[in-house]
Protein backbone atom coordinates (compact mmCIF):
# COMPACT_ATOMS: atom_id res chain seq x y z
CA MET A 1 95.76 116.30 111.16
CA SER A 2 97.47 119.33 109.65
CA CYS A 3 98.00 122.61 111.51
CA SER A 4 95.32 124.34 109.45
CA ALA A 5 92.93 121.45 110.08
CA THR A 6 93.63 121.71 113.80
CA LYS A 7 92.83 125.42 113.77
CA LYS A 8 89.69 124.78 111.75
CA ALA A 9 88.62 122.03 114.17
CA ARG A 10 89.02 124.42 117.10
CA LYS A 11 86.74 126.94 115.40
CA THR A 12 83.99 124.40 114.77
CA GLU A 13 82.63 123.84 118.25
CA GLY A 14 79.49 122.17 116.88
CA ASN A 15 81.39 119.06 115.84
CA HIS A 16 80.80 116.37 118.49
CA ALA A 17 84.43 115.22 118.34
CA ASN A 18 85.53 118.66 119.48
CA GLN A 19 82.92 119.29 122.16
CA GLY A 20 84.48 120.66 125.30
CA VAL A 21 87.51 122.04 123.48
CA LYS A 22 87.35 125.79 123.70
CA GLU A 23 89.82 128.34 122.42
CA GLU A 24 90.54 129.70 125.89
CA ASN A 25 91.59 126.21 127.04
CA LEU A 26 94.37 126.24 124.46
CA LYS A 27 95.86 129.59 125.54
CA PHE A 28 97.79 130.63 128.61
CA ARG A 29 95.22 131.40 131.31
CA ASN A 30 97.41 133.38 133.67
CA SER A 31 100.87 134.86 133.75
CA GLU A 32 102.43 131.90 135.58
CA GLU A 33 101.17 129.16 133.27
CA GLU A 34 103.42 126.84 131.28
CA TRP A 35 103.28 126.05 127.60
CA PRO A 36 99.82 124.47 127.05
CA PHE A 37 101.37 121.27 125.69
CA HIS A 38 104.08 121.02 128.36
CA ALA A 39 102.57 118.17 130.38
CA ILE A 40 101.64 115.99 127.41
CA CYS A 41 104.94 116.59 125.63
CA GLN A 42 106.93 115.82 128.79
CA GLU A 43 104.98 112.58 129.16
CA LEU A 44 105.49 111.69 125.49
CA ALA A 45 109.20 112.49 125.73
CA MET A 46 109.53 110.26 128.80
CA ARG A 47 107.69 107.45 127.03
CA LEU A 48 110.12 107.53 124.11
CA LEU A 49 112.32 105.34 126.30
CA HIS A 50 109.55 102.96 127.44
CA PRO A 51 110.30 99.22 127.15
CA LYS A 52 107.17 98.53 125.07
CA SER A 53 107.57 99.30 121.38
CA GLU A 54 103.93 100.33 120.93
CA ILE A 55 104.30 103.04 123.55
CA ARG A 56 107.56 104.33 122.04
CA HIS A 57 105.93 104.40 118.61
CA GLY A 58 102.84 106.27 119.81
CA SER A 59 104.97 108.75 121.74
CA ALA A 60 107.04 109.56 118.68
CA ILE A 61 103.93 110.10 116.57
CA GLY A 62 102.37 112.36 119.21
CA LEU A 63 105.51 114.45 119.64
CA ARG A 64 105.95 114.80 115.90
CA GLU A 65 102.45 116.15 115.42
CA ILE A 66 102.51 118.57 118.36
CA LEU A 67 105.96 119.92 117.57
CA ARG A 68 105.18 120.26 113.89
CA CYS A 69 102.51 122.83 114.69
CA HIS A 70 103.70 124.26 118.03
CA GLY A 71 107.44 123.61 118.22
CA ASN A 72 108.36 127.29 118.14
CA THR A 73 106.80 127.77 121.61
CA ALA A 74 107.94 124.49 123.18
CA GLY A 75 109.04 124.85 126.79
CA MET A 76 108.04 128.50 127.16
CA THR A 77 105.86 130.03 129.85
CA SER A 78 103.53 132.97 129.42
CA SER A 79 105.44 135.04 131.96
CA HIS A 80 108.86 134.20 130.56
CA VAL A 81 108.78 133.88 126.79
CA SER A 82 112.34 133.12 125.88
CA ALA A 83 114.21 131.44 123.08
CA GLU A 84 116.44 129.93 125.77
CA ASP A 85 113.53 127.92 127.22
CA ASN A 86 112.67 126.70 123.74
CA ARG A 87 116.31 125.77 123.08
CA VAL A 88 116.64 123.80 126.31
CA TRP A 89 113.40 121.91 125.70
CA MET A 90 114.33 121.07 122.10
CA GLU A 91 117.83 119.92 123.07
CA ASP A 92 116.35 117.61 125.69
CA CYS A 93 113.96 116.20 123.10
CA VAL A 94 116.78 115.64 120.60
CA THR A 95 118.86 113.90 123.27
CA ARG A 96 116.01 111.48 123.93
CA ILE A 97 115.57 110.82 120.22
CA LEU A 98 119.27 110.04 119.85
CA CYS A 99 118.94 107.63 122.79
CA VAL A 100 116.11 105.87 120.97
CA PHE A 101 118.32 105.64 117.88
CA VAL A 102 120.99 103.86 119.91
CA LEU A 103 118.71 101.62 121.99
CA ASP A 104 115.77 100.67 119.75
CA ARG A 105 116.02 97.23 118.16
CA PHE A 106 112.41 96.75 117.04
CA GLY A 107 111.99 95.75 113.42
CA ASP A 108 108.86 94.46 111.76
CA TYR A 109 109.65 91.89 109.10
CA ILE A 110 107.43 91.69 106.05
CA LEU A 111 108.54 89.04 103.57
CA ASP A 112 112.17 89.94 102.82
CA LYS A 113 111.94 93.55 104.06
CA VAL A 114 112.18 95.09 107.48
CA ILE A 115 110.51 98.28 108.61
CA ALA A 116 111.44 100.20 111.72
CA PRO A 117 108.44 102.36 112.58
CA ILE A 118 109.81 103.67 115.87
CA ARG A 119 113.15 104.75 114.44
CA GLU A 120 111.43 106.24 111.38
CA ASN A 121 109.02 108.29 113.49
CA CYS A 122 111.82 109.40 115.83
CA ALA A 123 113.80 110.51 112.78
CA GLN A 124 110.77 112.56 111.73
CA VAL A 125 110.62 114.13 115.20
CA LEU A 126 114.33 114.88 114.86
CA GLY A 127 113.60 116.61 111.56
CA VAL A 128 110.91 118.75 113.16
CA THR A 129 113.12 119.74 116.09
CA LEU A 130 116.06 120.56 113.83
CA ARG A 131 114.13 123.57 112.52
CA TYR A 132 114.38 125.17 115.96
CA LEU A 133 117.96 124.26 116.90
CA HIS A 134 120.88 126.67 116.68
CA LYS A 135 123.39 125.84 113.96
CA ASP A 136 126.05 124.79 116.51
CA ILE A 137 123.70 122.28 118.15
CA ALA A 138 122.56 121.00 114.75
CA LEU A 139 126.20 120.43 113.87
CA GLU A 140 126.65 118.38 117.08
CA VAL A 141 123.62 116.28 116.11
CA LEU A 142 125.19 115.75 112.68
CA GLN A 143 128.40 114.53 114.35
CA VAL A 144 126.39 112.03 116.43
CA LEU A 145 124.65 110.78 113.28
CA PHE A 146 128.08 110.22 111.67
CA VAL A 147 129.08 108.11 114.69
CA LEU A 148 125.84 106.10 114.57
CA GLN A 149 126.40 105.29 110.90
CA ARG A 150 129.70 103.61 111.73
CA ARG A 151 128.42 101.37 114.54
CA PRO A 152 128.55 97.58 114.04
CA GLU A 153 124.88 97.04 115.00
CA TRP A 154 122.76 97.33 111.86
CA GLU A 155 119.82 98.84 113.78
CA VAL A 156 122.00 101.68 115.04
CA ARG A 157 123.47 102.28 111.58
CA HIS A 158 119.94 102.30 110.17
CA SER A 159 118.96 104.92 112.77
CA GLY A 160 121.92 107.05 111.73
CA PHE A 161 120.85 106.95 108.09
CA LEU A 162 117.22 107.70 108.93
CA GLY A 163 118.33 110.67 111.01
CA MET A 164 120.59 111.83 108.18
CA LYS A 165 117.68 111.68 105.71
CA TYR A 166 115.67 114.17 107.77
CA PHE A 167 118.74 116.21 108.69
CA ILE A 168 119.52 116.80 105.01
CA ALA A 169 115.91 117.78 104.34
CA MET A 170 115.57 120.19 107.27
CA ARG A 171 119.04 121.78 107.64
CA PRO A 172 120.52 122.46 104.20
CA ASP A 173 122.46 125.36 105.74
CA VAL A 174 124.54 122.95 107.84
CA VAL A 175 124.74 120.30 105.12
CA SER A 176 126.06 122.80 102.56
CA VAL A 177 129.01 123.64 104.81
CA HIS A 178 129.83 119.96 105.48
CA HIS A 179 128.64 118.49 102.18
CA GLU A 180 131.75 116.36 101.55
CA LYS A 181 131.48 114.55 104.87
CA VAL A 182 127.68 114.15 104.47
CA LEU A 183 128.10 112.65 100.98
CA GLU A 184 130.85 110.34 102.21
CA SER A 185 128.67 109.10 105.06
CA CYS A 186 125.73 108.50 102.70
CA PHE A 187 127.89 106.41 100.33
CA ILE A 188 129.07 104.22 103.22
CA GLY A 189 125.61 102.70 103.59
């Protein structure tokens, strides 16, 4: 569901699928309240490292969709709206995604092809979070992706290339400065 569709769904209270969802439930109710999506996003972030692949996959999809629309306010509270809170929350999320890149070995084989839905969705979450990261942190993520691409395990190398695909799409400012190393790493694969 797109961001505009989400907003439209909130406005249409007559739709039975949206009964009980009111606009005031989606806003901060008092000055001490956390980001409205804090609890669900914390749970989804924790489940990125769950042993069951279905749970990791669903968590990545959920995080991607929430952060796509509401990532600019992630981790903030109504009483303390700060870019620092957002930065800390996003860095934690990126750290978990990089852990999934290193640890996930699930591959679904179809004929002579393999798909890696968990790594692909985590790479998409990485792409969404990269929009909100400072250039220095994005550069550190790029360095980690370079390391992943040189690992002997094919799943980890694959994760590095998936992450690089979304990195290039979302952070051309960093890629333009390090274009030679990015091109070299892409030709390795």
